[in-house]
PDB file of N, CA and C in Angstrom:
ATOM      1  N   MET A   1     141.712 102.249 121.207  1.00  0.00           N
ATOM      2  CA  MET A   1     142.116 101.654 119.929  1.00  0.00           C
ATOM      3  C   MET A   1     140.896 101.493 119.023  1.00  0.00           C
ATOM      4  N   LYS A   2     140.975 102.096 117.856  1.00  0.00           N
ATOM      5  CA  LYS A   2     139.841 102.021 116.938  1.00  0.00           C
ATOM      6  C   LYS A   2     140.099 100.978 115.862  1.00  0.00           C
ATOM      7  N   LEU A   3     139.148 100.074 115.708  1.00  0.00           N
ATOM      8  CA  LEU A   3     139.255  99.067 114.649  1.00  0.00           C
ATOM      9  C   LEU A   3     138.585  99.609 113.395  1.00  0.00           C
ATOM     10  N   LYS A   4     139.198  99.352 112.264  1.00  0.00           N
ATOM     11  CA  LYS A   4     138.621  99.835 111.013  1.00  0.00           C
ATOM     12  C   LYS A   4     137.644  98.800 110.466  1.00  0.00           C
ATOM     13  N   MET A   5     136.387  99.159 110.459  1.00  0.00           N
ATOM     14  CA  MET A   5     135.363  98.284 109.893  1.00  0.00           C
ATOM     15  C   MET A   5     134.488  99.109 108.955  1.00  0.00           C
ATOM     16  N   PRO A   6     134.923  99.310 107.731  1.00  0.00           N
ATOM     17  CA  PRO A   6     134.214 100.183 106.799  1.00  0.00           C
ATOM     18  C   PRO A   6     132.758  99.777 106.568  1.00  0.00           C
ATOM     19  N   ARG A   7     132.508  98.480 106.567  1.00  0.00           N
ATOM     20  CA  ARG A   7     131.129  98.038 106.332  1.00  0.00           C
ATOM     21  C   ARG A   7     130.223  98.423 107.484  1.00  0.00           C
ATOM     22  N   VAL A   8     130.737  98.274 108.701  1.00  0.00           N
ATOM     23  CA  VAL A   8     129.893  98.456 109.883  1.00  0.00           C
ATOM     24  C   VAL A   8     129.750  99.924 110.275  1.00  0.00           C
ATOM     25  N   THR A   9     130.730 100.730 109.886  1.00  0.00           N
ATOM     26  CA  THR A   9     130.793 102.106 110.382  1.00  0.00           C
ATOM     27  C   THR A   9     129.482 102.865 110.174  1.00  0.00           C
ATOM     28  N   GLY A  10     128.956 102.850 108.944  1.00  0.00           N
ATOM     29  CA  GLY A  10     127.736 103.612 108.659  1.00  0.00           C
ATOM     30  C   GLY A  10     126.592 103.187 109.546  1.00  0.00           C
ATOM     31  N   ASP A  11     126.364 101.875 109.632  1.00  0.00           N
ATOM     32  CA  ASP A  11     125.243 101.382 110.430  1.00  0.00           C
ATOM     33  C   ASP A  11     125.446 101.685 111.907  1.00  0.00           C
ATOM     34  N   SER A  12     126.675 101.487 112.393  1.00  0.00           N
ATOM     35  CA  SER A  12     126.920 101.719 113.812  1.00  0.00           C
ATOM     36  C   SER A  12     126.727 103.192 114.149  1.00  0.00           C
ATOM     37  N   MET A  13     127.114 104.080 113.234  1.00  0.00           N
ATOM     38  CA  MET A  13     126.916 105.508 113.466  1.00  0.00           C
ATOM     39  C   MET A  13     125.424 105.804 113.548  1.00  0.00           C
ATOM     40  N   LYS A  14     124.655 105.212 112.648  1.00  0.00           N
ATOM     41  CA  LYS A  14     123.205 105.426 112.685  1.00  0.00           C
ATOM     42  C   LYS A  14     122.626 104.889 113.986  1.00  0.00           C
ATOM     43  N   LEU A  15     123.088 103.702 114.392  1.00  0.00           N
ATOM     44  CA  LEU A  15     122.576 103.109 115.627  1.00  0.00           C
ATOM     45  C   LEU A  15     122.930 103.985 116.824  1.00  0.00           C
ATOM     46  N   LYS A  16     124.169 104.481 116.839  1.00  0.00           N
ATOM     47  CA  LYS A  16     124.578 105.348 117.954  1.00  0.00           C
ATOM     48  C   LYS A  16     123.726 106.606 117.978  1.00  0.00           C
ATOM     49  N   ARG A  17     123.503 107.176 116.792  1.00  0.00           N
ATOM     50  CA  ARG A  17     122.704 108.396 116.733  1.00  0.00           C
ATOM     51  C   ARG A  17     121.289 108.112 117.219  1.00  0.00           C
ATOM     52  N   LYS A  18     120.712 106.996 116.764  1.00  0.00           N
ATOM     53  CA  LYS A  18     119.359 106.628 117.178  1.00  0.00           C
ATOM     54  C   LYS A  18     119.312 106.376 118.673  1.00  0.00           C
ATOM     55  N   ALA A  19     120.329 105.670 119.185  1.00  0.00           N
ATOM     56  CA  ALA A  19     120.367 105.383 120.616  1.00  0.00           C
ATOM     57  C   ALA A  19     120.430 106.678 121.413  1.00  0.00           C
ATOM     58  N   LYS A  20     121.251 107.609 120.926  1.00  0.00           N
ATOM     59  CA  LYS A  20     121.373 108.899 121.614  1.00  0.00           C
ATOM     60  C   LYS A  20     120.027 109.618 121.594  1.00  0.00           C
ATOM     61  N   GLN A  21     119.349 109.606 120.440  1.00  0.00           N
ATOM     62  CA  GLN A  21     118.060 110.270 120.322  1.00  0.00           C
ATOM     63  C   GLN A  21     117.043 109.623 121.262  1.00  0.00           C
ATOM     64  N   ASP A  22     117.055 108.285 121.298  1.00  0.00           N
ATOM     65  CA  ASP A  22     116.135 107.581 122.196  1.00  0.00           C
ATOM     66  C   ASP A  22     116.421 107.957 123.642  1.00  0.00           C
ATOM     67  N   TYR A  23     117.704 108.068 123.974  1.00  0.00           N
ATOM     68  CA  TYR A  23     118.081 108.413 125.344  1.00  0.00           C
ATOM     69  C   TYR A  23     117.608 109.822 125.679  1.00  0.00           C
ATOM     70  N   VAL A  24     117.764 110.744 124.727  1.00  0.00           N
ATOM     71  CA  VAL A  24     117.317 112.123 124.952  1.00  0.00           C
ATOM     72  C   VAL A  24     115.808 112.144 125.171  1.00  0.00           C
ATOM     73  N   ASN A  25     115.082 111.394 124.342  1.00  0.00           N
ATOM     74  CA  ASN A  25     113.627 111.334 124.503  1.00  0.00           C
ATOM     75  C   ASN A  25     113.265 110.749 125.860  1.00  0.00           C
ATOM     76  N   TYR A  26     114.012 109.718 126.277  1.00  0.00           N
ATOM     77  CA  TYR A  26     113.769 109.095 127.584  1.00  0.00           C
ATOM     78  C   TYR A  26     114.015 110.103 128.699  1.00  0.00           C
ATOM     79  N   GLU A  27     115.111 110.855 128.578  1.00  0.00           N
ATOM     80  CA  GLU A  27     115.429 111.863 129.589  1.00  0.00           C
ATOM     81  C   GLU A  27     114.308 112.892 129.673  1.00  0.00           C
ATOM     82  N   LYS A  28     113.844 113.362 128.518  1.00  0.00           N
ATOM     83  CA  LYS A  28     112.776 114.369 128.494  1.00  0.00           C
ATOM     84  C   LYS A  28     111.524 113.821 129.162  1.00  0.00           C
ATOM     85  N   SER A  29     111.109 112.609 128.765  1.00  0.00           N
ATOM     86  CA  SER A  29     109.886 112.037 129.318  1.00  0.00           C
ATOM     87  C   SER A  29     110.058 111.796 130.819  1.00  0.00           C
ATOM     88  N   PHE A  30     111.260 111.391 131.220  1.00  0.00           N
ATOM     89  CA  PHE A  30     111.518 111.144 132.643  1.00  0.00           C
ATOM     90  C   PHE A  30     111.355 112.433 133.441  1.00  0.00           C
ATOM     91  N   HIS A  31     111.941 113.519 132.945  1.00  0.00           N
ATOM     92  CA  HIS A  31     111.839 114.794 133.648  1.00  0.00           C
ATOM     93  C   HIS A  31     110.399 115.298 133.642  1.00  0.00           C
ATOM     94  N   ASN A  32     109.705 115.086 132.523  1.00  0.00           N
ATOM     95  CA  ASN A  32     108.313 115.517 132.450  1.00  0.00           C
ATOM     96  C   ASN A  32     107.469 114.765 133.478  1.00  0.00           C
ATOM     97  N   ASN A  33     107.700 113.466 133.597  1.00  0.00           N
ATOM     98  CA  ASN A  33     106.950 112.673 134.563  1.00  0.00           C
ATOM     99  C   ASN A  33     107.309 113.081 135.991  1.00  0.00           C
ATOM    100  N   LYS A  34     108.575 113.417 136.186  1.00  0.00           N
ATOM    101  CA  LYS A  34     109.059 113.754 137.521  1.00  0.00           C
ATOM    102  C   LYS A  34     108.451 115.081 137.988  1.00  0.00           C
ATOM    103  N   SER A  35     108.128 115.971 137.058  1.00  0.00           N
ATOM    104  CA  SER A  35     107.664 117.302 137.436  1.00  0.00           C
ATOM    105  C   SER A  35     106.223 117.275 137.944  1.00  0.00           C
ATOM    106  N   PHE A  36     105.521 116.166 137.742  1.00  0.00           N
ATOM    107  CA  PHE A  36     104.136 116.110 138.204  1.00  0.00           C
ATOM    108  C   PHE A  36     104.060 116.002 139.724  1.00  0.00           C
TER     109      PHE A  36
END
């Protein structure tokens, strides 16, 4: 069930995108560290 929150949508999308990017960076650094 999706709640309509027009004010929050833009910010939450940015936060989700940033969180995803941070997670990808974390995954990359984790694998890089693991390969040593």
